[in-house]
Amino acid sequence: MNIEHIENRARSGVLAVRWSDGSEHAFTHADLRAACPCSGCRALRLAGVAIEAPDTLRLTVIEPAGTNALNLGFSDGHARGIYPFAMLANLAAALC
């Protein structure tokens, strides 16, 4: 599934996504940071360490990464995670 539209609602800490099938999902910036797919964060989660992401955390960078992913940067300085659209769709389903 592809993303048709992205709206960063920075003030409220939400990234709203409209998918190619017309469905929509609003991710909190904190949920996105906690789910970071980079190797460092993945290793921490596998070791049983939760990624701390306060509600005050904000997205500072949203860039395309190829044609089917986003590179997201956060106000805590973390900007190494590439978020494939498929991973975001799975995360949306898990958060519902």
PDB file of N, CA and C in Angstrom:
ATOM      1  N   MET A   1       0.854  -1.173   0.000  1.00  0.00           N
ATOM      2  CA  MET A   1       0.000   0.000   0.000  1.00  0.00           C
ATOM      3  C   MET A   1       0.904   1.241   0.000  1.00  0.00           C
ATOM      4  N   ASN A   2       0.508   2.229  -0.729  1.00  0.00           N
ATOM      5  CA  ASN A   2       1.276   3.469  -0.823  1.00  0.00           C
ATOM      6  C   ASN A   2       0.601   4.606  -0.067  1.00  0.00           C
ATOM      7  N   ILE A   3       1.390   5.592   0.266  1.00  0.00           N
ATOM      8  CA  ILE A   3       0.873   6.789   0.911  1.00  0.00           C
ATOM      9  C   ILE A   3       0.552   7.819  -0.159  1.00  0.00           C
ATOM     10  N   GLU A   4      -0.660   8.357  -0.100  1.00  0.00           N
ATOM     11  CA  GLU A   4      -1.075   9.396  -1.046  1.00  0.00           C
ATOM     12  C   GLU A   4      -0.832  10.796  -0.510  1.00  0.00           C
ATOM     13  N   HIS A   5      -0.978  10.959   0.812  1.00  0.00           N
ATOM     14  CA  HIS A   5      -0.860  12.297   1.396  1.00  0.00           C
ATOM     15  C   HIS A   5      -0.347  12.186   2.827  1.00  0.00           C
ATOM     16  N   ILE A   6       0.520  13.120   3.177  1.00  0.00           N
ATOM     17  CA  ILE A   6       1.060  13.194   4.539  1.00  0.00           C
ATOM     18  C   ILE A   6       0.838  14.610   5.055  1.00  0.00           C
ATOM     19  N   GLU A   7       0.377  14.708   6.284  1.00  0.00           N
ATOM     20  CA  GLU A   7       0.226  16.015   6.929  1.00  0.00           C
ATOM     21  C   GLU A   7       0.839  15.932   8.317  1.00  0.00           C
ATOM     22  N   ASN A   8       1.862  16.735   8.542  1.00  0.00           N
ATOM     23  CA  ASN A   8       2.484  16.778   9.857  1.00  0.00           C
ATOM     24  C   ASN A   8       1.782  17.843  10.693  1.00  0.00           C
ATOM     25  N   ARG A   9       1.118  17.406  11.722  1.00  0.00           N
ATOM     26  CA  ARG A   9       0.440  18.313  12.653  1.00  0.00           C
ATOM     27  C   ARG A   9       1.361  18.495  13.857  1.00  0.00           C
ATOM     28  N   ALA A  10       2.398  19.296  13.638  1.00  0.00           N
ATOM     29  CA  ALA A  10       3.485  19.431  14.610  1.00  0.00           C
ATOM     30  C   ALA A  10       3.001  19.903  15.970  1.00  0.00           C
ATOM     31  N   ARG A  11       2.080  20.817  15.990  1.00  0.00           N
ATOM     32  CA  ARG A  11       1.603  21.358  17.263  1.00  0.00           C
ATOM     33  C   ARG A  11       1.007  20.273  18.151  1.00  0.00           C
ATOM     34  N   SER A  12       0.251  19.369  17.554  1.00  0.00           N
ATOM     35  CA  SER A  12      -0.376  18.302  18.340  1.00  0.00           C
ATOM     36  C   SER A  12       0.461  17.023  18.353  1.00  0.00           C
ATOM     37  N   GLY A  13       1.583  17.003  17.626  1.00  0.00           N
ATOM     38  CA  GLY A  13       2.454  15.827  17.637  1.00  0.00           C
ATOM     39  C   GLY A  13       1.876  14.638  16.902  1.00  0.00           C
ATOM     40  N   VAL A  14       1.239  14.902  15.749  1.00  0.00           N
ATOM     41  CA  VAL A  14       0.591  13.839  14.979  1.00  0.00           C
ATOM     42  C   VAL A  14       1.028  13.913  13.517  1.00  0.00           C
ATOM     43  N   LEU A  15       1.298  12.754  12.939  1.00  0.00           N
ATOM     44  CA  LEU A  15       1.544  12.636  11.507  1.00  0.00           C
ATOM     45  C   LEU A  15       0.347  11.915  10.913  1.00  0.00           C
ATOM     46  N   ALA A  16      -0.444  12.636  10.117  1.00  0.00           N
ATOM     47  CA  ALA A  16      -1.637  12.065   9.503  1.00  0.00           C
ATOM     48  C   ALA A  16      -1.277  11.548   8.114  1.00  0.00           C
ATOM     49  N   VAL A  17      -1.703  10.320   7.830  1.00  0.00           N
ATOM     50  CA  VAL A  17      -1.386   9.664   6.572  1.00  0.00           C
ATOM     51  C   VAL A  17      -2.679   9.212   5.906  1.00  0.00           C
ATOM     52  N   ARG A  18      -2.787   9.490   4.605  1.00  0.00           N
ATOM     53  CA  ARG A  18      -3.891   8.926   3.812  1.00  0.00           C
ATOM     54  C   ARG A  18      -3.270   7.913   2.852  1.00  0.00           C
ATOM     55  N   TRP A  19      -3.776   6.692   2.904  1.00  0.00           N
ATOM     56  CA  TRP A  19      -3.261   5.589   2.098  1.00  0.00           C
ATOM     57  C   TRP A  19      -3.934   5.558   0.726  1.00  0.00           C
ATOM     58  N   SER A  20      -3.333   4.833  -0.189  1.00  0.00           N
ATOM     59  CA  SER A  20      -3.846   4.738  -1.558  1.00  0.00           C
ATOM     60  C   SER A  20      -5.235   4.107  -1.624  1.00  0.00           C
ATOM     61  N   ASP A  21      -5.635   3.343  -0.616  1.00  0.00           N
ATOM     62  CA  ASP A  21      -6.982   2.755  -0.601  1.00  0.00           C
ATOM     63  C   ASP A  21      -8.020   3.704  -0.003  1.00  0.00           C
ATOM     64  N   GLY A  22      -7.583   4.922   0.361  1.00  0.00           N
ATOM     65  CA  GLY A  22      -8.491   5.920   0.921  1.00  0.00           C
ATOM     66  C   GLY A  22      -8.558   5.917   2.433  1.00  0.00           C
ATOM     67  N   SER A  23      -8.001   4.904   3.082  1.00  0.00           N
ATOM     68  CA  SER A  23      -8.022   4.878   4.543  1.00  0.00           C
ATOM     69  C   SER A  23      -7.024   5.894   5.088  1.00  0.00           C
ATOM     70  N   GLU A  24      -7.221   6.269   6.343  1.00  0.00           N
ATOM     71  CA  GLU A  24      -6.359   7.258   6.983  1.00  0.00           C
ATOM     72  C   GLU A  24      -5.927   6.760   8.348  1.00  0.00           C
ATOM     73  N   HIS A  25      -4.766   7.226   8.777  1.00  0.00           N
ATOM     74  CA  HIS A  25      -4.289   6.914  10.117  1.00  0.00           C
ATOM     75  C   HIS A  25      -3.505   8.101  10.649  1.00  0.00           C
ATOM     76  N   ALA A  26      -3.642   8.363  11.930  1.00  0.00           N
ATOM     77  CA  ALA A  26      -2.893   9.434  12.590  1.00  0.00           C
ATOM     78  C   ALA A  26      -1.922   8.793  13.576  1.00  0.00           C
ATOM     79  N   PHE A  27      -0.637   8.900  13.284  1.00  0.00           N
ATOM     80  CA  PHE A  27       0.415   8.388  14.159  1.00  0.00           C
ATOM     81  C   PHE A  27       0.866   9.501  15.088  1.00  0.00           C
ATOM     82  N   THR A  28       1.042   9.218  16.357  1.00  0.00           N
ATOM     83  CA  THR A  28       1.682  10.222  17.209  1.00  0.00           C
ATOM     84  C   THR A  28       3.174  10.184  16.910  1.00  0.00           C
ATOM     85  N   HIS A  29       3.814  11.334  17.058  1.00  0.00           N
ATOM     86  CA  HIS A  29       5.258  11.390  16.845  1.00  0.00           C
ATOM     87  C   HIS A  29       5.965  10.450  17.817  1.00  0.00           C
ATOM     88  N   ALA A  30       5.462  10.369  19.043  1.00  0.00           N
ATOM     89  CA  ALA A  30       6.061   9.486  20.053  1.00  0.00           C
ATOM     90  C   ALA A  30       5.951   8.021  19.646  1.00  0.00           C
ATOM     91  N   ASP A  31       4.805   7.606  19.100  1.00  0.00           N
ATOM     92  CA  ASP A  31       4.650   6.211  18.649  1.00  0.00           C
ATOM     93  C   ASP A  31       5.623   5.901  17.512  1.00  0.00           C
ATOM     94  N   LEU A  32       5.796   6.847  16.593  1.00  0.00           N
ATOM     95  CA  LEU A  32       6.732   6.634  15.490  1.00  0.00           C
ATOM     96  C   LEU A  32       8.160   6.499  15.998  1.00  0.00           C
ATOM     97  N   ARG A  33       8.543   7.346  16.943  1.00  0.00           N
ATOM     98  CA  ARG A  33       9.900   7.282  17.490  1.00  0.00           C
ATOM     99  C   ARG A  33      10.118   5.971  18.235  1.00  0.00           C
ATOM    100  N   ALA A  34       9.118   5.543  19.008  1.00  0.00           N
ATOM    101  CA  ALA A  34       9.231   4.302  19.774  1.00  0.00           C
ATOM    102  C   ALA A  34       9.344   3.081  18.857  1.00  0.00           C
ATOM    103  N   ALA A  35       8.824   3.193  17.642  1.00  0.00           N
ATOM    104  CA  ALA A  35       8.849   2.078  16.689  1.00  0.00           C
ATOM    105  C   ALA A  35       9.994   2.193  15.688  1.00  0.00           C
ATOM    106  N   CYS A  36      10.942   3.072  15.936  1.00  0.00           N
ATOM    107  CA  CYS A  36      12.032   3.302  14.990  1.00  0.00           C
ATOM    108  C   CYS A  36      12.633   1.975  14.520  1.00  0.00           C
ATOM    109  N   PRO A  37      12.734   1.794  13.190  1.00  0.00           N
ATOM    110  CA  PRO A  37      13.247   0.532  12.664  1.00  0.00           C
ATOM    111  C   PRO A  37      14.765   0.482  12.457  1.00  0.00           C
ATOM    112  N   CYS A  38      15.495   1.496  12.902  1.00  0.00           N
ATOM    113  CA  CYS A  38      16.948   1.466  12.690  1.00  0.00           C
ATOM    114  C   CYS A  38      17.560   0.308  13.474  1.00  0.00           C
ATOM    115  N   SER A  39      18.758  -0.101  13.095  1.00  0.00           N
ATOM    116  CA  SER A  39      19.375  -1.269  13.717  1.00  0.00           C
ATOM    117  C   SER A  39      19.635  -1.058  15.208  1.00  0.00           C
ATOM    118  N   GLY A  40      19.992   0.151  15.606  1.00  0.00           N
ATOM    119  CA  GLY A  40      20.238   0.415  17.024  1.00  0.00           C
ATOM    120  C   GLY A  40      18.986   0.284  17.864  1.00  0.00           C
ATOM    121  N   CYS A  41      17.898   0.866  17.405  1.00  0.00           N
ATOM    122  CA  CYS A  41      16.634   0.783  18.144  1.00  0.00           C
ATOM    123  C   CYS A  41      16.083  -0.636  18.122  1.00  0.00           C
ATOM    124  N   ARG A  42      16.221  -1.308  16.989  1.00  0.00           N
ATOM    125  CA  ARG A  42      15.753  -2.692  16.889  1.00  0.00           C
ATOM    126  C   ARG A  42      16.521  -3.576  17.874  1.00  0.00           C
ATOM    127  N   ALA A  43      17.828  -3.372  17.989  1.00  0.00           N
ATOM    128  CA  ALA A  43      18.634  -4.151  18.926  1.00  0.00           C
ATOM    129  C   ALA A  43      18.209  -3.886  20.367  1.00  0.00           C
ATOM    130  N   LEU A  44      17.915  -2.641  20.688  1.00  0.00           N
ATOM    131  CA  LEU A  44      17.445  -2.324  22.042  1.00  0.00           C
ATOM    132  C   LEU A  44      16.132  -3.044  22.347  1.00  0.00           C
ATOM    133  N   ARG A  45      15.187  -2.993  21.403  1.00  0.00           N
ATOM    134  CA  ARG A  45      13.900  -3.656  21.625  1.00  0.00           C
ATOM    135  C   ARG A  45      14.080  -5.165  21.779  1.00  0.00           C
ATOM    136  N   LEU A  46      14.957  -5.765  20.959  1.00  0.00           N
ATOM    137  CA  LEU A  46      15.206  -7.205  21.071  1.00  0.00           C
ATOM    138  C   LEU A  46      15.825  -7.571  22.414  1.00  0.00           C
ATOM    139  N   ALA A  47      16.556  -6.626  23.009  1.00  0.00           N
ATOM    140  CA  ALA A  47      17.162  -6.839  24.330  1.00  0.00           C
ATOM    141  C   ALA A  47      16.183  -6.531  25.456  1.00  0.00           C
ATOM    142  N   GLY A  48      14.951  -6.167  25.110  1.00  0.00           N
ATOM    143  CA  GLY A  48      13.936  -5.894  26.111  1.00  0.00           C
ATOM    144  C   GLY A  48      13.907  -4.470  26.615  1.00  0.00           C
ATOM    145  N   VAL A  49      14.633  -3.585  25.941  1.00  0.00           N
ATOM    146  CA  VAL A  49      14.675  -2.176  26.345  1.00  0.00           C
ATOM    147  C   VAL A  49      13.666  -1.392  25.513  1.00  0.00           C
ATOM    148  N   ALA A  50      12.743  -0.726  26.175  1.00  0.00           N
ATOM    149  CA  ALA A  50      11.757   0.095  25.472  1.00  0.00           C
ATOM    150  C   ALA A  50      12.393   1.421  25.060  1.00  0.00           C
ATOM    151  N   ILE A  51      12.047   1.881  23.882  1.00  0.00           N
ATOM    152  CA  ILE A  51      12.518   3.184  23.405  1.00  0.00           C
ATOM    153  C   ILE A  51      11.634   4.240  24.053  1.00  0.00           C
ATOM    154  N   GLU A  52      12.233   5.115  24.838  1.00  0.00           N
ATOM    155  CA  GLU A  52      11.465   6.163  25.504  1.00  0.00           C
ATOM    156  C   GLU A  52      11.197   7.304  24.526  1.00  0.00           C
ATOM    157  N   ALA A  53       9.954   7.674  24.427  1.00  0.00           N
ATOM    158  CA  ALA A  53       9.543   8.734  23.527  1.00  0.00           C
ATOM    159  C   ALA A  53       8.463   9.560  24.224  1.00  0.00           C
ATOM    160  N   PRO A  54       8.840  10.662  24.837  1.00  0.00           N
ATOM    161  CA  PRO A  54       7.849  11.477  25.544  1.00  0.00           C
ATOM    162  C   PRO A  54       6.851  12.111  24.585  1.00  0.00           C
ATOM    163  N   ASP A  55       5.697  12.450  25.096  1.00  0.00           N
ATOM    164  CA  ASP A  55       4.649  13.080  24.281  1.00  0.00           C
ATOM    165  C   ASP A  55       5.086  14.426  23.703  1.00  0.00           C
ATOM    166  N   THR A  56       6.104  15.033  24.293  1.00  0.00           N
ATOM    167  CA  THR A  56       6.583  16.329  23.803  1.00  0.00           C
ATOM    168  C   THR A  56       7.526  16.186  22.612  1.00  0.00           C
ATOM    169  N   LEU A  57       7.945  14.969  22.288  1.00  0.00           N
ATOM    170  CA  LEU A  57       8.827  14.719  21.158  1.00  0.00           C
ATOM    171  C   LEU A  57       8.128  15.108  19.859  1.00  0.00           C
ATOM    172  N   ARG A  58       8.860  15.694  18.936  1.00  0.00           N
ATOM    173  CA  ARG A  58       8.273  16.122  17.663  1.00  0.00           C
ATOM    174  C   ARG A  58       9.124  15.670  16.487  1.00  0.00           C
ATOM    175  N   LEU A  59       8.447  15.446  15.369  1.00  0.00           N
ATOM    176  CA  LEU A  59       9.133  15.208  14.109  1.00  0.00           C
ATOM    177  C   LEU A  59       9.731  16.521  13.641  1.00  0.00           C
ATOM    178  N   THR A  60      10.976  16.487  13.213  1.00  0.00           N
ATOM    179  CA  THR A  60      11.624  17.684  12.695  1.00  0.00           C
ATOM    180  C   THR A  60      11.972  17.548  11.221  1.00  0.00           C
ATOM    181  N   VAL A  61      12.011  16.307  10.728  1.00  0.00           N
ATOM    182  CA  VAL A  61      12.355  16.039   9.327  1.00  0.00           C
ATOM    183  C   VAL A  61      11.465  14.920   8.810  1.00  0.00           C
ATOM    184  N   ILE A  62      10.892  15.139   7.638  1.00  0.00           N
ATOM    185  CA  ILE A  62      10.148  14.099   6.932  1.00  0.00           C
ATOM    186  C   ILE A  62      10.631  14.152   5.489  1.00  0.00           C
ATOM    187  N   GLU A  63      11.360  13.113   5.076  1.00  0.00           N
ATOM    188  CA  GLU A  63      11.915  13.074   3.724  1.00  0.00           C
ATOM    189  C   GLU A  63      11.570  11.749   3.068  1.00  0.00           C
ATOM    190  N   PRO A  64      11.335  11.763   1.757  1.00  0.00           N
ATOM    191  CA  PRO A  64      11.149  10.487   1.077  1.00  0.00           C
ATOM    192  C   PRO A  64      12.453   9.699   1.092  1.00  0.00           C
ATOM    193  N   ALA A  65      12.333   8.396   1.185  1.00  0.00           N
ATOM    194  CA  ALA A  65      13.478   7.492   1.084  1.00  0.00           C
ATOM    195  C   ALA A  65      13.125   6.516  -0.033  1.00  0.00           C
ATOM    196  N   GLY A  66      13.526   6.836  -1.220  1.00  0.00           N
ATOM    197  CA  GLY A  66      13.104   6.060  -2.376  1.00  0.00           C
ATOM    198  C   GLY A  66      11.638   6.343  -2.678  1.00  0.00           C
ATOM    199  N   THR A  67      10.961   5.344  -3.214  1.00  0.00           N
ATOM    200  CA  THR A  67       9.554   5.530  -3.592  1.00  0.00           C
ATOM    201  C   THR A  67       8.578   4.889  -2.626  1.00  0.00           C
ATOM    202  N   ASN A  68       9.094   4.175  -1.621  1.00  0.00           N
ATOM    203  CA  ASN A  68       8.164   3.468  -0.736  1.00  0.00           C
ATOM    204  C   ASN A  68       8.548   3.534   0.737  1.00  0.00           C
ATOM    205  N   ALA A  69       9.195   4.636   1.137  1.00  0.00           N
ATOM    206  CA  ALA A  69       9.584   4.770   2.540  1.00  0.00           C
ATOM    207  C   ALA A  69       9.807   6.239   2.883  1.00  0.00           C
ATOM    208  N   LEU A  70       9.844   6.502   4.182  1.00  0.00           N
ATOM    209  CA  LEU A  70      10.127   7.847   4.692  1.00  0.00           C
ATOM    210  C   LEU A  70      11.321   7.783   5.634  1.00  0.00           C
ATOM    211  N   ASN A  71      12.144   8.806   5.593  1.00  0.00           N
ATOM    212  CA  ASN A  71      13.191   8.992   6.590  1.00  0.00           C
ATOM    213  C   ASN A  71      12.664  10.041   7.552  1.00  0.00           C
ATOM    214  N   LEU A  72      12.544   9.681   8.821  1.00  0.00           N
ATOM    215  CA  LEU A  72      11.996  10.592   9.822  1.00  0.00           C
ATOM    216  C   LEU A  72      13.072  11.011  10.803  1.00  0.00           C
ATOM    217  N   GLY A  73      13.119  12.305  11.109  1.00  0.00           N
ATOM    218  CA  GLY A  73      14.026  12.835  12.116  1.00  0.00           C
ATOM    219  C   GLY A  73      13.217  13.433  13.255  1.00  0.00           C
ATOM    220  N   PHE A  74      13.726  13.314  14.466  1.00  0.00           N
ATOM    221  CA  PHE A  74      12.982  13.709  15.651  1.00  0.00           C
ATOM    222  C   PHE A  74      13.721  14.763  16.463  1.00  0.00           C
ATOM    223  N   SER A  75      12.980  15.441  17.310  1.00  0.00           N
ATOM    224  CA  SER A  75      13.537  16.529  18.119  1.00  0.00           C
ATOM    225  C   SER A  75      14.552  16.045  19.153  1.00  0.00           C
ATOM    226  N   ASP A  76      14.644  14.730  19.380  1.00  0.00           N
ATOM    227  CA  ASP A  76      15.678  14.201  20.279  1.00  0.00           C
ATOM    228  C   ASP A  76      16.994  13.974  19.535  1.00  0.00           C
ATOM    229  N   GLY A  77      17.040  14.353  18.249  1.00  0.00           N
ATOM    230  CA  GLY A  77      18.248  14.222  17.448  1.00  0.00           C
ATOM    231  C   GLY A  77      18.335  12.921  16.671  1.00  0.00           C
ATOM    232  N   HIS A  78      17.416  12.001  16.911  1.00  0.00           N
ATOM    233  CA  HIS A  78      17.456  10.709  16.229  1.00  0.00           C
ATOM    234  C   HIS A  78      16.902  10.866  14.817  1.00  0.00           C
ATOM    235  N   ALA A  79      17.682  10.445  13.809  1.00  0.00           N
ATOM    236  CA  ALA A  79      17.242  10.576  12.418  1.00  0.00           C
ATOM    237  C   ALA A  79      17.795   9.445  11.564  1.00  0.00           C
ATOM    238  N   ARG A  80      17.878   8.249  12.122  1.00  0.00           N
ATOM    239  CA  ARG A  80      18.462   7.139  11.370  1.00  0.00           C
ATOM    240  C   ARG A  80      17.439   6.138  10.865  1.00  0.00           C
ATOM    241  N   GLY A  81      16.181   6.306  11.221  1.00  0.00           N
ATOM    242  CA  GLY A  81      15.186   5.302  10.865  1.00  0.00           C
ATOM    243  C   GLY A  81      14.567   5.538   9.500  1.00  0.00           C
ATOM    244  N   ILE A  82      14.588   4.507   8.669  1.00  0.00           N
ATOM    245  CA  ILE A  82      13.875   4.516   7.399  1.00  0.00           C
ATOM    246  C   ILE A  82      12.600   3.718   7.632  1.00  0.00           C
ATOM    247  N   TYR A  83      11.463   4.348   7.428  1.00  0.00           N
ATOM    248  CA  TYR A  83      10.160   3.759   7.703  1.00  0.00           C
ATOM    249  C   TYR A  83       9.493   3.346   6.390  1.00  0.00           C
ATOM    250  N   PRO A  84       9.622   2.080   5.983  1.00  0.00           N
ATOM    251  CA  PRO A  84       8.933   1.625   4.771  1.00  0.00           C
ATOM    252  C   PRO A  84       7.417   1.753   4.942  1.00  0.00           C
ATOM    253  N   PHE A  85       6.730   2.029   3.840  1.00  0.00           N
ATOM    254  CA  PHE A  85       5.276   2.167   3.909  1.00  0.00           C
ATOM    255  C   PHE A  85       4.628   0.905   4.477  1.00  0.00           C
ATOM    256  N   ALA A  86       5.145  -0.272   4.115  1.00  0.00           N
ATOM    257  CA  ALA A  86       4.575  -1.525   4.633  1.00  0.00           C
ATOM    258  C   ALA A  86       4.704  -1.592   6.151  1.00  0.00           C
ATOM    259  N   MET A  87       5.821  -1.138   6.686  1.00  0.00           N
ATOM    260  CA  MET A  87       6.021  -1.130   8.136  1.00  0.00           C
ATOM    261  C   MET A  87       5.046  -0.155   8.793  1.00  0.00           C
ATOM    262  N   LEU A  88       4.839   1.007   8.181  1.00  0.00           N
ATOM    263  CA  LEU A  88       3.882   1.974   8.711  1.00  0.00           C
ATOM    264  C   LEU A  88       2.463   1.425   8.682  1.00  0.00           C
ATOM    265  N   ALA A  89       2.108   0.710   7.617  1.00  0.00           N
ATOM    266  CA  ALA A  89       0.773   0.104   7.554  1.00  0.00           C
ATOM    267  C   ALA A  89       0.594  -0.927   8.660  1.00  0.00           C
ATOM    268  N   ASN A  90       1.624  -1.734   8.917  1.00  0.00           N
ATOM    269  CA  ASN A  90       1.565  -2.718  10.004  1.00  0.00           C
ATOM    270  C   ASN A  90       1.472  -2.032  11.360  1.00  0.00           C
ATOM    271  N   LEU A  91       2.219  -0.949  11.531  1.00  0.00           N
ATOM    272  CA  LEU A  91       2.169  -0.200  12.780  1.00  0.00           C
ATOM    273  C   LEU A  91       0.783   0.411  12.995  1.00  0.00           C
ATOM    274  N   ALA A  92       0.199   0.935  11.928  1.00  0.00           N
ATOM    275  CA  ALA A  92      -1.156   1.502  12.025  1.00  0.00           C
ATOM    276  C   ALA A  92      -2.148   0.450  12.485  1.00  0.00           C
ATOM    277  N   ALA A  93      -2.041  -0.757  11.917  1.00  0.00           N
ATOM    278  CA  ALA A  93      -2.943  -1.845  12.294  1.00  0.00           C
ATOM    279  C   ALA A  93      -2.728  -2.250  13.749  1.00  0.00           C
ATOM    280  N   ALA A  94      -1.478  -2.263  14.185  1.00  0.00           N
ATOM    281  CA  ALA A  94      -1.165  -2.665  15.553  1.00  0.00           C
ATOM    282  C   ALA A  94      -1.642  -1.630  16.570  1.00  0.00           C
ATOM    283  N   LEU A  95      -1.636  -0.361  16.190  1.00  0.00           N
ATOM    284  CA  LEU A  95      -2.021   0.716  17.112  1.00  0.00           C
ATOM    285  C   LEU A  95      -3.535   0.892  17.200  1.00  0.00           C
ATOM    286  N   CYS A  96      -4.270   0.311  16.291  1.00  0.00           N
ATOM    287  CA  CYS A  96      -5.739   0.470  16.314  1.00  0.00           C
ATOM    288  C   CYS A  96      -6.385  -0.392  17.353  1.00  0.00           C
TER     289      CYS A  96
END
